[in-house]
Amino acid sequence: MDSIDVIELANMRLSMLKLEQSVLAKNIAGIGTPKEVNFSHVLAQLDNLSPEEKSNFVQQVNNDIELFAEFKSIDANEISADELVAESLIVSGKYKSLAEGLNRKLDLLKTAIVGNR
């Protein structure tokens, strides 16, 4: 897998986390029906594809992440604000870590291409 594929995969995961965070924020604010978002089927499908198919699939997901998301309504009485905030912090931490890793990867690519100026 080359660096471009890793960057595309990281972009896809960042998009997933961004949508998950948006859904959590709406749940915390009490906007609309509480719901959760799930991407397990996307990741499972990704495992069953050839490298070329994976690249095309990741591009499709990146073009419209909401099209591939599964939304499930949840009972507002079964969740607490504290649980939602904790989950939001976890998602935020994952996003930050992945973004930092991606920035490091891009810096390495830049250094390899133009040198250390």
PDB file of N, CA and C in Angstrom:
ATOM      1  N   MET A   1       0.857  -1.180   0.000  1.00  0.00           N
ATOM      2  CA  MET A   1       0.000   0.000   0.000  1.00  0.00           C
ATOM      3  C   MET A   1       0.896   1.234   0.000  1.00  0.00           C
ATOM      4  N   ASP A   2       0.708   2.121  -0.967  1.00  0.00           N
ATOM      5  CA  ASP A   2       1.566   3.296  -1.018  1.00  0.00           C
ATOM      6  C   ASP A   2       1.014   4.415  -0.135  1.00  0.00           C
ATOM      7  N   SER A   3       1.777   5.501  -0.063  1.00  0.00           N
ATOM      8  CA  SER A   3       1.436   6.596   0.843  1.00  0.00           C
ATOM      9  C   SER A   3       0.115   7.262   0.489  1.00  0.00           C
ATOM     10  N   ILE A   4      -0.184   7.335  -0.784  1.00  0.00           N
ATOM     11  CA  ILE A   4      -1.437   7.969  -1.195  1.00  0.00           C
ATOM     12  C   ILE A   4      -2.622   7.183  -0.631  1.00  0.00           C
ATOM     13  N   ASP A   5      -2.542   5.852  -0.666  1.00  0.00           N
ATOM     14  CA  ASP A   5      -3.619   5.036  -0.110  1.00  0.00           C
ATOM     15  C   ASP A   5      -3.774   5.287   1.389  1.00  0.00           C
ATOM     16  N   VAL A   6      -2.667   5.402   2.091  1.00  0.00           N
ATOM     17  CA  VAL A   6      -2.716   5.654   3.528  1.00  0.00           C
ATOM     18  C   VAL A   6      -3.363   7.013   3.787  1.00  0.00           C
ATOM     19  N   ILE A   7      -3.020   7.978   2.992  1.00  0.00           N
ATOM     20  CA  ILE A   7      -3.591   9.319   3.152  1.00  0.00           C
ATOM     21  C   ILE A   7      -5.086   9.295   2.857  1.00  0.00           C
ATOM     22  N   GLU A   8      -5.500   8.584   1.826  1.00  0.00           N
ATOM     23  CA  GLU A   8      -6.923   8.464   1.501  1.00  0.00           C
ATOM     24  C   GLU A   8      -7.687   7.739   2.608  1.00  0.00           C
ATOM     25  N   LEU A   9      -7.081   6.681   3.142  1.00  0.00           N
ATOM     26  CA  LEU A   9      -7.722   5.960   4.247  1.00  0.00           C
ATOM     27  C   LEU A   9      -7.843   6.848   5.486  1.00  0.00           C
ATOM     28  N   ALA A  10      -6.780   7.613   5.769  1.00  0.00           N
ATOM     29  CA  ALA A  10      -6.821   8.527   6.912  1.00  0.00           C
ATOM     30  C   ALA A  10      -7.890   9.586   6.701  1.00  0.00           C
ATOM     31  N   ASN A  11      -8.008  10.082   5.487  1.00  0.00           N
ATOM     32  CA  ASN A  11      -9.034  11.077   5.168  1.00  0.00           C
ATOM     33  C   ASN A  11     -10.429  10.490   5.373  1.00  0.00           C
ATOM     34  N   MET A  12     -10.610   9.231   4.962  1.00  0.00           N
ATOM     35  CA  MET A  12     -11.904   8.581   5.146  1.00  0.00           C
ATOM     36  C   MET A  12     -12.236   8.458   6.633  1.00  0.00           C
ATOM     37  N   ARG A  13     -11.261   8.030   7.429  1.00  0.00           N
ATOM     38  CA  ARG A  13     -11.494   7.874   8.863  1.00  0.00           C
ATOM     39  C   ARG A  13     -11.759   9.220   9.525  1.00  0.00           C
ATOM     40  N   LEU A  14     -11.048  10.266   9.104  1.00  0.00           N
ATOM     41  CA  LEU A  14     -11.303  11.605   9.641  1.00  0.00           C
ATOM     42  C   LEU A  14     -12.732  12.047   9.318  1.00  0.00           C
ATOM     43  N   SER A  15     -13.186  11.747   8.115  1.00  0.00           N
ATOM     44  CA  SER A  15     -14.560  12.095   7.732  1.00  0.00           C
ATOM     45  C   SER A  15     -15.574  11.345   8.584  1.00  0.00           C
ATOM     46  N   MET A  16     -15.287  10.070   8.851  1.00  0.00           N
ATOM     47  CA  MET A  16     -16.179   9.276   9.703  1.00  0.00           C
ATOM     48  C   MET A  16     -16.246   9.866  11.111  1.00  0.00           C
ATOM     49  N   LEU A  17     -15.090  10.206  11.654  1.00  0.00           N
ATOM     50  CA  LEU A  17     -15.042  10.774  13.002  1.00  0.00           C
ATOM     51  C   LEU A  17     -15.729  12.137  13.057  1.00  0.00           C
ATOM     52  N   LYS A  18     -15.566  12.922  12.009  1.00  0.00           N
ATOM     53  CA  LYS A  18     -16.220  14.240  11.951  1.00  0.00           C
ATOM     54  C   LYS A  18     -17.740  14.087  11.967  1.00  0.00           C
ATOM     55  N   LEU A  19     -18.256  13.146  11.191  1.00  0.00           N
ATOM     56  CA  LEU A  19     -19.702  12.919  11.165  1.00  0.00           C
ATOM     57  C   LEU A  19     -20.184  12.376  12.510  1.00  0.00           C
ATOM     58  N   GLU A  20     -19.414  11.477  13.088  1.00  0.00           N
ATOM     59  CA  GLU A  20     -19.781  10.931  14.402  1.00  0.00           C
ATOM     60  C   GLU A  20     -19.823  12.043  15.450  1.00  0.00           C
ATOM     61  N   GLN A  21     -18.847  12.944  15.399  1.00  0.00           N
ATOM     62  CA  GLN A  21     -18.812  14.065  16.349  1.00  0.00           C
ATOM     63  C   GLN A  21     -20.011  14.996  16.135  1.00  0.00           C
ATOM     64  N   SER A  22     -20.376  15.224  14.892  1.00  0.00           N
ATOM     65  CA  SER A  22     -21.534  16.069  14.584  1.00  0.00           C
ATOM     66  C   SER A  22     -22.823  15.467  15.145  1.00  0.00           C
ATOM     67  N   VAL A  23     -22.976  14.157  14.983  1.00  0.00           N
ATOM     68  CA  VAL A  23     -24.160  13.470  15.513  1.00  0.00           C
ATOM     69  C   VAL A  23     -24.179  13.559  17.037  1.00  0.00           C
ATOM     70  N   LEU A  24     -23.027  13.353  17.666  1.00  0.00           N
ATOM     71  CA  LEU A  24     -22.949  13.454  19.127  1.00  0.00           C
ATOM     72  C   LEU A  24     -23.284  14.861  19.606  1.00  0.00           C
ATOM     73  N   ALA A  25     -22.793  15.867  18.895  1.00  0.00           N
ATOM     74  CA  ALA A  25     -23.073  17.257  19.282  1.00  0.00           C
ATOM     75  C   ALA A  25     -24.571  17.547  19.219  1.00  0.00           C
ATOM     76  N   LYS A  26     -25.232  17.044  18.192  1.00  0.00           N
ATOM     77  CA  LYS A  26     -26.682  17.233  18.077  1.00  0.00           C
ATOM     78  C   LYS A  26     -27.417  16.493  19.194  1.00  0.00           C
ATOM     79  N   ASN A  27     -26.928  15.302  19.535  1.00  0.00           N
ATOM     80  CA  ASN A  27     -27.538  14.560  20.643  1.00  0.00           C
ATOM     81  C   ASN A  27     -27.383  15.320  21.950  1.00  0.00           C
ATOM     82  N   ILE A  28     -26.207  15.864  22.194  1.00  0.00           N
ATOM     83  CA  ILE A  28     -25.948  16.612  23.425  1.00  0.00           C
ATOM     84  C   ILE A  28     -26.830  17.852  23.485  1.00  0.00           C
ATOM     85  N   ALA A  29     -26.968  18.520  22.354  1.00  0.00           N
ATOM     86  CA  ALA A  29     -27.779  19.744  22.298  1.00  0.00           C
ATOM     87  C   ALA A  29     -29.275  19.449  22.283  1.00  0.00           C
ATOM     88  N   GLY A  30     -29.643  18.207  22.092  1.00  0.00           N
ATOM     89  CA  GLY A  30     -31.061  17.846  22.064  1.00  0.00           C
ATOM     90  C   GLY A  30     -31.749  18.219  20.772  1.00  0.00           C
ATOM     91  N   ILE A  31     -30.982  18.294  19.690  1.00  0.00           N
ATOM     92  CA  ILE A  31     -31.550  18.643  18.383  1.00  0.00           C
ATOM     93  C   ILE A  31     -32.005  17.372  17.679  1.00  0.00           C
ATOM     94  N   GLY A  32     -33.284  17.287  17.407  1.00  0.00           N
ATOM     95  CA  GLY A  32     -33.831  16.138  16.692  1.00  0.00           C
ATOM     96  C   GLY A  32     -33.853  14.883  17.535  1.00  0.00           C
ATOM     97  N   THR A  33     -34.105  13.767  16.867  1.00  0.00           N
ATOM     98  CA  THR A  33     -34.154  12.464  17.520  1.00  0.00           C
ATOM     99  C   THR A  33     -32.732  11.991  17.792  1.00  0.00           C
ATOM    100  N   PRO A  34     -32.430  11.582  19.018  1.00  0.00           N
ATOM    101  CA  PRO A  34     -31.077  11.078  19.301  1.00  0.00           C
ATOM    102  C   PRO A  34     -30.760   9.877  18.412  1.00  0.00           C
ATOM    103  N   LYS A  35     -29.558   9.855  17.897  1.00  0.00           N
ATOM    104  CA  LYS A  35     -29.162   8.739  17.045  1.00  0.00           C
ATOM    105  C   LYS A  35     -27.670   8.499  17.178  1.00  0.00           C
ATOM    106  N   GLU A  36     -27.267   7.357  16.664  1.00  0.00           N
ATOM    107  CA  GLU A  36     -25.852   7.034  16.599  1.00  0.00           C
ATOM    108  C   GLU A  36     -25.513   6.675  15.163  1.00  0.00           C
ATOM    109  N   VAL A  37     -24.253   6.806  14.839  1.00  0.00           N
ATOM    110  CA  VAL A  37     -23.813   6.509  13.481  1.00  0.00           C
ATOM    111  C   VAL A  37     -22.863   5.323  13.541  1.00  0.00           C
ATOM    112  N   ASN A  38     -22.951   4.481  12.522  1.00  0.00           N
ATOM    113  CA  ASN A  38     -22.154   3.258  12.497  1.00  0.00           C
ATOM    114  C   ASN A  38     -21.523   3.098  11.118  1.00  0.00           C
ATOM    115  N   PHE A  39     -20.242   2.754  11.121  1.00  0.00           N
ATOM    116  CA  PHE A  39     -19.525   2.520   9.868  1.00  0.00           C
ATOM    117  C   PHE A  39     -18.927   1.113   9.798  1.00  0.00           C
ATOM    118  N   SER A  40     -19.349   0.226  10.681  1.00  0.00           N
ATOM    119  CA  SER A  40     -18.743  -1.110  10.713  1.00  0.00           C
ATOM    120  C   SER A  40     -18.923  -1.846   9.386  1.00  0.00           C
ATOM    121  N   HIS A  41     -20.054  -1.648   8.737  1.00  0.00           N
ATOM    122  CA  HIS A  41     -20.286  -2.310   7.450  1.00  0.00           C
ATOM    123  C   HIS A  41     -19.322  -1.802   6.378  1.00  0.00           C
ATOM    124  N   VAL A  42     -18.950  -0.521   6.458  1.00  0.00           N
ATOM    125  CA  VAL A  42     -17.995   0.047   5.500  1.00  0.00           C
ATOM    126  C   VAL A  42     -16.630  -0.599   5.706  1.00  0.00           C
ATOM    127  N   LEU A  43     -16.205  -0.696   6.951  1.00  0.00           N
ATOM    128  CA  LEU A  43     -14.910  -1.295   7.249  1.00  0.00           C
ATOM    129  C   LEU A  43     -14.890  -2.776   6.896  1.00  0.00           C
ATOM    130  N   ALA A  44     -15.998  -3.473   7.121  1.00  0.00           N
ATOM    131  CA  ALA A  44     -16.084  -4.888   6.762  1.00  0.00           C
ATOM    132  C   ALA A  44     -16.005  -5.064   5.252  1.00  0.00           C
ATOM    133  N   GLN A  45     -16.675  -4.199   4.525  1.00  0.00           N
ATOM    134  CA  GLN A  45     -16.635  -4.277   3.065  1.00  0.00           C
ATOM    135  C   GLN A  45     -15.226  -3.990   2.550  1.00  0.00           C
ATOM    136  N   LEU A  46     -14.548  -3.071   3.190  1.00  0.00           N
ATOM    137  CA  LEU A  46     -13.185  -2.704   2.798  1.00  0.00           C
ATOM    138  C   LEU A  46     -12.240  -3.896   2.927  1.00  0.00           C
ATOM    139  N   ASP A  47     -12.442  -4.708   3.945  1.00  0.00           N
ATOM    140  CA  ASP A  47     -11.602  -5.895   4.163  1.00  0.00           C
ATOM    141  C   ASP A  47     -11.710  -6.911   3.036  1.00  0.00           C
ATOM    142  N   ASN A  48     -12.841  -6.937   2.346  1.00  0.00           N
ATOM    143  CA  ASN A  48     -13.091  -7.950   1.326  1.00  0.00           C
ATOM    144  C   ASN A  48     -12.749  -7.512  -0.094  1.00  0.00           C
ATOM    145  N   LEU A  49     -12.100  -6.365  -0.247  1.00  0.00           N
ATOM    146  CA  LEU A  49     -11.806  -5.839  -1.578  1.00  0.00           C
ATOM    147  C   LEU A  49     -10.339  -6.006  -1.947  1.00  0.00           C
ATOM    148  N   SER A  50     -10.095  -6.076  -3.247  1.00  0.00           N
ATOM    149  CA  SER A  50      -8.712  -6.092  -3.731  1.00  0.00           C
ATOM    150  C   SER A  50      -8.115  -4.692  -3.542  1.00  0.00           C
ATOM    151  N   PRO A  51      -6.797  -4.555  -3.611  1.00  0.00           N
ATOM    152  CA  PRO A  51      -6.185  -3.234  -3.431  1.00  0.00           C
ATOM    153  C   PRO A  51      -6.735  -2.155  -4.378  1.00  0.00           C
ATOM    154  N   GLU A  52      -6.965  -2.515  -5.632  1.00  0.00           N
ATOM    155  CA  GLU A  52      -7.512  -1.538  -6.578  1.00  0.00           C
ATOM    156  C   GLU A  52      -8.944  -1.159  -6.238  1.00  0.00           C
ATOM    157  N   GLU A  53      -9.732  -2.172  -5.847  1.00  0.00           N
ATOM    158  CA  GLU A  53     -11.116  -1.913  -5.453  1.00  0.00           C
ATOM    159  C   GLU A  53     -11.171  -1.079  -4.175  1.00  0.00           C
ATOM    160  N   LYS A  54     -10.238  -1.327  -3.260  1.00  0.00           N
ATOM    161  CA  LYS A  54     -10.180  -0.547  -2.021  1.00  0.00           C
ATOM    162  C   LYS A  54      -9.979   0.923  -2.325  1.00  0.00           C
ATOM    163  N   SER A  55      -9.055   1.214  -3.228  1.00  0.00           N
ATOM    164  CA  SER A  55      -8.773   2.603  -3.580  1.00  0.00           C
ATOM    165  C   SER A  55     -10.014   3.289  -4.139  1.00  0.00           C
ATOM    166  N   ASN A  56     -10.714   2.624  -5.037  1.00  0.00           N
ATOM    167  CA  ASN A  56     -11.941   3.187  -5.617  1.00  0.00           C
ATOM    168  C   ASN A  56     -13.026   3.356  -4.558  1.00  0.00           C
ATOM    169  N   PHE A  57     -13.167   2.356  -3.697  1.00  0.00           N
ATOM    170  CA  PHE A  57     -14.184   2.397  -2.650  1.00  0.00           C
ATOM    171  C   PHE A  57     -13.920   3.536  -1.673  1.00  0.00           C
ATOM    172  N   VAL A  58     -12.660   3.693  -1.271  1.00  0.00           N
ATOM    173  CA  VAL A  58     -12.298   4.774  -0.340  1.00  0.00           C
ATOM    174  C   VAL A  58     -12.605   6.127  -0.959  1.00  0.00           C
ATOM    175  N   GLN A  59     -12.327   6.292  -2.243  1.00  0.00           N
ATOM    176  CA  GLN A  59     -12.646   7.549  -2.928  1.00  0.00           C
ATOM    177  C   GLN A  59     -14.149   7.802  -2.940  1.00  0.00           C
ATOM    178  N   GLN A  60     -14.938   6.763  -3.175  1.00  0.00           N
ATOM    179  CA  GLN A  60     -16.394   6.909  -3.158  1.00  0.00           C
ATOM    180  C   GLN A  60     -16.888   7.326  -1.778  1.00  0.00           C
ATOM    181  N   VAL A  61     -16.360   6.686  -0.747  1.00  0.00           N
ATOM    182  CA  VAL A  61     -16.754   7.030   0.622  1.00  0.00           C
ATOM    183  C   VAL A  61     -16.356   8.466   0.932  1.00  0.00           C
ATOM    184  N   ASN A  62     -15.154   8.854   0.544  1.00  0.00           N
ATOM    185  CA  ASN A  62     -14.691  10.216   0.802  1.00  0.00           C
ATOM    186  C   ASN A  62     -15.533  11.266   0.079  1.00  0.00           C
ATOM    187  N   ASN A  63     -16.094  10.899  -1.065  1.00  0.00           N
ATOM    188  CA  ASN A  63     -16.910  11.855  -1.820  1.00  0.00           C
ATOM    189  C   ASN A  63     -18.243  12.151  -1.144  1.00  0.00           C
ATOM    190  N   ASP A  64     -18.805  11.169  -0.436  1.00  0.00           N
ATOM    191  CA  ASP A  64     -20.090  11.377   0.242  1.00  0.00           C
ATOM    192  C   ASP A  64     -20.205  10.447   1.439  1.00  0.00           C
ATOM    193  N   ILE A  65     -19.600  10.847   2.538  1.00  0.00           N
ATOM    194  CA  ILE A  65     -19.524  10.007   3.730  1.00  0.00           C
ATOM    195  C   ILE A  65     -20.911   9.681   4.284  1.00  0.00           C
ATOM    196  N   GLU A  66     -21.839  10.630   4.217  1.00  0.00           N
ATOM    197  CA  GLU A  66     -23.169  10.400   4.792  1.00  0.00           C
ATOM    198  C   GLU A  66     -23.947   9.328   4.038  1.00  0.00           C
ATOM    199  N   LEU A  67     -23.641   9.149   2.767  1.00  0.00           N
ATOM    200  CA  LEU A  67     -24.296   8.117   1.971  1.00  0.00           C
ATOM    201  C   LEU A  67     -23.955   6.724   2.496  1.00  0.00           C
ATOM    202  N   PHE A  68     -22.767   6.568   3.068  1.00  0.00           N
ATOM    203  CA  PHE A  68     -22.309   5.263   3.542  1.00  0.00           C
ATOM    204  C   PHE A  68     -22.558   5.047   5.033  1.00  0.00           C
ATOM    205  N   ALA A  69     -23.007   6.073   5.736  1.00  0.00           N
ATOM    206  CA  ALA A  69     -23.238   5.968   7.181  1.00  0.00           C
ATOM    207  C   ALA A  69     -24.568   5.274   7.452  1.00  0.00           C
ATOM    208  N   GLU A  70     -24.578   4.469   8.498  1.00  0.00           N
ATOM    209  CA  GLU A  70     -25.826   3.874   8.981  1.00  0.00           C
ATOM    210  C   GLU A  70     -26.220   4.630  10.247  1.00  0.00           C
ATOM    211  N   PHE A  71     -27.399   5.228  10.226  1.00  0.00           N
ATOM    212  CA  PHE A  71     -27.893   5.966  11.383  1.00  0.00           C
ATOM    213  C   PHE A  71     -28.938   5.110  12.088  1.00  0.00           C
ATOM    214  N   LYS A  72     -28.848   5.075  13.396  1.00  0.00           N
ATOM    215  CA  LYS A  72     -29.795   4.302  14.196  1.00  0.00           C
ATOM    216  C   LYS A  72     -30.329   5.204  15.300  1.00  0.00           C
ATOM    217  N   SER A  73     -31.647   5.282  15.396  1.00  0.00           N
ATOM    218  CA  SER A  73     -32.259   6.064  16.474  1.00  0.00           C
ATOM    219  C   SER A  73     -32.008   5.371  17.801  1.00  0.00           C
ATOM    220  N   ILE A  74     -31.791   6.171  18.825  1.00  0.00           N
ATOM    221  CA  ILE A  74     -31.589   5.627  20.163  1.00  0.00           C
ATOM    222  C   ILE A  74     -32.588   6.274  21.116  1.00  0.00           C
ATOM    223  N   ASP A  75     -32.929   5.565  22.154  1.00  0.00           N
ATOM    224  CA  ASP A  75     -33.884   6.046  23.139  1.00  0.00           C
ATOM    225  C   ASP A  75     -33.212   7.098  24.010  1.00  0.00           C
ATOM    226  N   ALA A  76     -33.773   8.280  24.048  1.00  0.00           N
ATOM    227  CA  ALA A  76     -33.199   9.377  24.822  1.00  0.00           C
ATOM    228  C   ALA A  76     -33.129   9.056  26.308  1.00  0.00           C
ATOM    229  N   ASN A  77     -33.998   8.180  26.780  1.00  0.00           N
ATOM    230  CA  ASN A  77     -33.990   7.808  28.197  1.00  0.00           C
ATOM    231  C   ASN A  77     -32.855   6.850  28.559  1.00  0.00           C
ATOM    232  N   GLU A  78     -32.265   6.221  27.546  1.00  0.00           N
ATOM    233  CA  GLU A  78     -31.204   5.257  27.797  1.00  0.00           C
ATOM    234  C   GLU A  78     -29.810   5.866  27.778  1.00  0.00           C
ATOM    235  N   ILE A  79     -29.713   7.140  27.440  1.00  0.00           N
ATOM    236  CA  ILE A  79     -28.403   7.787  27.382  1.00  0.00           C
ATOM    237  C   ILE A  79     -28.388   8.992  28.306  1.00  0.00           C
ATOM    238  N   SER A  80     -27.235   9.279  28.846  1.00  0.00           N
ATOM    239  CA  SER A  80     -27.109  10.458  29.697  1.00  0.00           C
ATOM    240  C   SER A  80     -26.204  11.466  29.018  1.00  0.00           C
ATOM    241  N   ALA A  81     -26.337  12.699  29.416  1.00  0.00           N
ATOM    242  CA  ALA A  81     -25.490  13.755  28.866  1.00  0.00           C
ATOM    243  C   ALA A  81     -24.022  13.459  29.157  1.00  0.00           C
ATOM    244  N   ASP A  82     -23.740  12.934  30.345  1.00  0.00           N
ATOM    245  CA  ASP A  82     -22.356  12.609  30.701  1.00  0.00           C
ATOM    246  C   ASP A  82     -21.769  11.555  29.765  1.00  0.00           C
ATOM    247  N   GLU A  83     -22.560  10.546  29.431  1.00  0.00           N
ATOM    248  CA  GLU A  83     -22.097   9.505  28.506  1.00  0.00           C
ATOM    249  C   GLU A  83     -21.835  10.091  27.125  1.00  0.00           C
ATOM    250  N   LEU A  84     -22.706  10.964  26.682  1.00  0.00           N
ATOM    251  CA  LEU A  84     -22.535  11.586  25.370  1.00  0.00           C
ATOM    252  C   LEU A  84     -21.289  12.464  25.332  1.00  0.00           C
ATOM    253  N   VAL A  85     -21.068  13.231  26.396  1.00  0.00           N
ATOM    254  CA  VAL A  85     -19.886  14.096  26.455  1.00  0.00           C
ATOM    255  C   VAL A  85     -18.616  13.241  26.489  1.00  0.00           C
ATOM    256  N   ALA A  86     -18.638  12.160  27.264  1.00  0.00           N
ATOM    257  CA  ALA A  86     -17.473  11.268  27.323  1.00  0.00           C
ATOM    258  C   ALA A  86     -17.185  10.659  25.952  1.00  0.00           C
ATOM    259  N   GLU A  87     -18.225  10.230  25.276  1.00  0.00           N
ATOM    260  CA  GLU A  87     -18.051   9.653  23.938  1.00  0.00           C
ATOM    261  C   GLU A  87     -17.531  10.710  22.967  1.00  0.00           C
ATOM    262  N   SER A  88     -18.017  11.927  23.111  1.00  0.00           N
ATOM    263  CA  SER A  88     -17.559  13.023  22.269  1.00  0.00           C
ATOM    264  C   SER A  88     -16.070  13.296  22.480  1.00  0.00           C
ATOM    265  N   LEU A  89     -15.627  13.241  23.723  1.00  0.00           N
ATOM    266  CA  LEU A  89     -14.209  13.447  24.020  1.00  0.00           C
ATOM    267  C   LEU A  89     -13.348  12.335  23.421  1.00  0.00           C
ATOM    268  N   ILE A  90     -13.847  11.115  23.452  1.00  0.00           N
ATOM    269  CA  ILE A  90     -13.119   9.988  22.860  1.00  0.00           C
ATOM    270  C   ILE A  90     -12.976  10.185  21.350  1.00  0.00           C
ATOM    271  N   VAL A  91     -14.085  10.545  20.704  1.00  0.00           N
ATOM    272  CA  VAL A  91     -14.059  10.766  19.256  1.00  0.00           C
ATOM    273  C   VAL A  91     -13.114  11.920  18.925  1.00  0.00           C
ATOM    274  N   SER A  92     -13.171  12.980  19.712  1.00  0.00           N
ATOM    275  CA  SER A  92     -12.299  14.128  19.502  1.00  0.00           C
ATOM    276  C   SER A  92     -10.821  13.736  19.636  1.00  0.00           C
ATOM    277  N   GLY A  93     -10.520  12.900  20.622  1.00  0.00           N
ATOM    278  CA  GLY A  93      -9.150  12.437  20.800  1.00  0.00           C
ATOM    279  C   GLY A  93      -8.666  11.594  19.635  1.00  0.00           C
ATOM    280  N   LYS A  94      -9.532  10.727  19.133  1.00  0.00           N
ATOM    281  CA  LYS A  94      -9.184   9.909  17.968  1.00  0.00           C
ATOM    282  C   LYS A  94      -8.915  10.801  16.757  1.00  0.00           C
ATOM    283  N   TYR A  95      -9.764  11.811  16.570  1.00  0.00           N
ATOM    284  CA  TYR A  95      -9.607  12.725  15.436  1.00  0.00           C
ATOM    285  C   TYR A  95      -8.275  13.458  15.533  1.00  0.00           C
ATOM    286  N   LYS A  96      -7.998  13.981  16.714  1.00  0.00           N
ATOM    287  CA  LYS A  96      -6.757  14.740  16.924  1.00  0.00           C
ATOM    288  C   LYS A  96      -5.535  13.859  16.680  1.00  0.00           C
ATOM    289  N   SER A  97      -5.542  12.644  17.214  1.00  0.00           N
ATOM    290  CA  SER A  97      -4.407  11.736  17.040  1.00  0.00           C
ATOM    291  C   SER A  97      -4.192  11.385  15.571  1.00  0.00           C
ATOM    292  N   LEU A  98      -5.266  11.091  14.879  1.00  0.00           N
ATOM    293  CA  LEU A  98      -5.159  10.745  13.466  1.00  0.00           C
ATOM    294  C   LEU A  98      -4.691  11.935  12.642  1.00  0.00           C
ATOM    295  N   ALA A  99      -5.195  13.120  12.942  1.00  0.00           N
ATOM    296  CA  ALA A  99      -4.772  14.321  12.222  1.00  0.00           C
ATOM    297  C   ALA A  99      -3.286  14.603  12.454  1.00  0.00           C
ATOM    298  N   GLU A 100      -2.821  14.422  13.684  1.00  0.00           N
ATOM    299  CA  GLU A 100      -1.407  14.621  13.974  1.00  0.00           C
ATOM    300  C   GLU A 100      -0.540  13.611  13.230  1.00  0.00           C
ATOM    301  N   GLY A 101      -0.966  12.356  13.208  1.00  0.00           N
ATOM    302  CA  GLY A 101      -0.232  11.331  12.474  1.00  0.00           C
ATOM    303  C   GLY A 101      -0.189  11.622  10.989  1.00  0.00           C
ATOM    304  N   LEU A 102      -1.307  12.070  10.445  1.00  0.00           N
ATOM    305  CA  LEU A 102      -1.366  12.417   9.027  1.00  0.00           C
ATOM    306  C   LEU A 102      -0.453  13.602   8.718  1.00  0.00           C
ATOM    307  N   ASN A 103      -0.440  14.598   9.593  1.00  0.00           N
ATOM    308  CA  ASN A 103       0.460  15.746   9.403  1.00  0.00           C
ATOM    309  C   ASN A 103       1.920  15.311   9.404  1.00  0.00           C
ATOM    310  N   ARG A 104       2.277  14.400  10.288  1.00  0.00           N
ATOM    311  CA  ARG A 104       3.656  13.896  10.319  1.00  0.00           C
ATOM    312  C   ARG A 104       3.991  13.160   9.027  1.00  0.00           C
ATOM    313  N   LYS A 105       3.049  12.351   8.558  1.00  0.00           N
ATOM    314  CA  LYS A 105       3.259  11.612   7.310  1.00  0.00           C
ATOM    315  C   LYS A 105       3.463  12.577   6.141  1.00  0.00           C
ATOM    316  N   LEU A 106       2.658  13.611   6.083  1.00  0.00           N
ATOM    317  CA  LEU A 106       2.787  14.596   5.007  1.00  0.00           C
ATOM    318  C   LEU A 106       4.094  15.369   5.119  1.00  0.00           C
ATOM    319  N   ASP A 107       4.529  15.673   6.339  1.00  0.00           N
ATOM    320  CA  ASP A 107       5.812  16.344   6.531  1.00  0.00           C
ATOM    321  C   ASP A 107       6.965  15.473   6.047  1.00  0.00           C
ATOM    322  N   LEU A 108       6.878  14.168   6.323  1.00  0.00           N
ATOM    323  CA  LEU A 108       7.914  13.253   5.838  1.00  0.00           C
ATOM    324  C   LEU A 108       7.933  13.198   4.315  1.00  0.00           C
ATOM    325  N   LEU A 109       6.755  13.158   3.713  1.00  0.00           N
ATOM    326  CA  LEU A 109       6.684  13.157   2.249  1.00  0.00           C
ATOM    327  C   LEU A 109       7.274  14.440   1.666  1.00  0.00           C
ATOM    328  N   LYS A 110       6.942  15.563   2.288  1.00  0.00           N
ATOM    329  CA  LYS A 110       7.467  16.852   1.840  1.00  0.00           C
ATOM    330  C   LYS A 110       8.984  16.884   1.943  1.00  0.00           C
ATOM    331  N   THR A 111       9.504  16.383   3.065  1.00  0.00           N
ATOM    332  CA  THR A 111      10.955  16.358   3.251  1.00  0.00           C
ATOM    333  C   THR A 111      11.613  15.455   2.218  1.00  0.00           C
ATOM    334  N   ALA A 112      10.994  14.335   1.919  1.00  0.00           N
ATOM    335  CA  ALA A 112      11.547  13.412   0.921  1.00  0.00           C
ATOM    336  C   ALA A 112      11.550  14.025  -0.465  1.00  0.00           C
ATOM    337  N   ILE A 113      10.556  14.849  -0.769  1.00  0.00           N
ATOM    338  CA  ILE A 113      10.433  15.429  -2.105  1.00  0.00           C
ATOM    339  C   ILE A 113      11.326  16.656  -2.281  1.00  0.00           C
ATOM    340  N   VAL A 114      11.255  17.591  -1.345  1.00  0.00           N
ATOM    341  CA  VAL A 114      11.979  18.867  -1.510  1.00  0.00           C
ATOM    342  C   VAL A 114      13.237  18.975  -0.657  1.00  0.00           C
ATOM    343  N   GLY A 115      13.456  18.031   0.219  1.00  0.00           N
ATOM    344  CA  GLY A 115      14.620  18.083   1.103  1.00  0.00           C
ATOM    345  C   GLY A 115      14.307  18.874   2.347  1.00  0.00           C
ATOM    346  N   ASN A 116      15.271  18.952   3.208  1.00  0.00           N
ATOM    347  CA  ASN A 116      15.085  19.614   4.502  1.00  0.00           C
ATOM    348  C   ASN A 116      15.588  21.053   4.409  1.00  0.00           C
ATOM    349  N   ARG A 117      14.761  21.937   3.907  1.00  0.00           N
ATOM    350  CA  ARG A 117      15.140  23.352   3.725  1.00  0.00           C
ATOM    351  C   ARG A 117      14.561  24.200   4.801  1.00  0.00           C
TER     352      ARG A 117
END
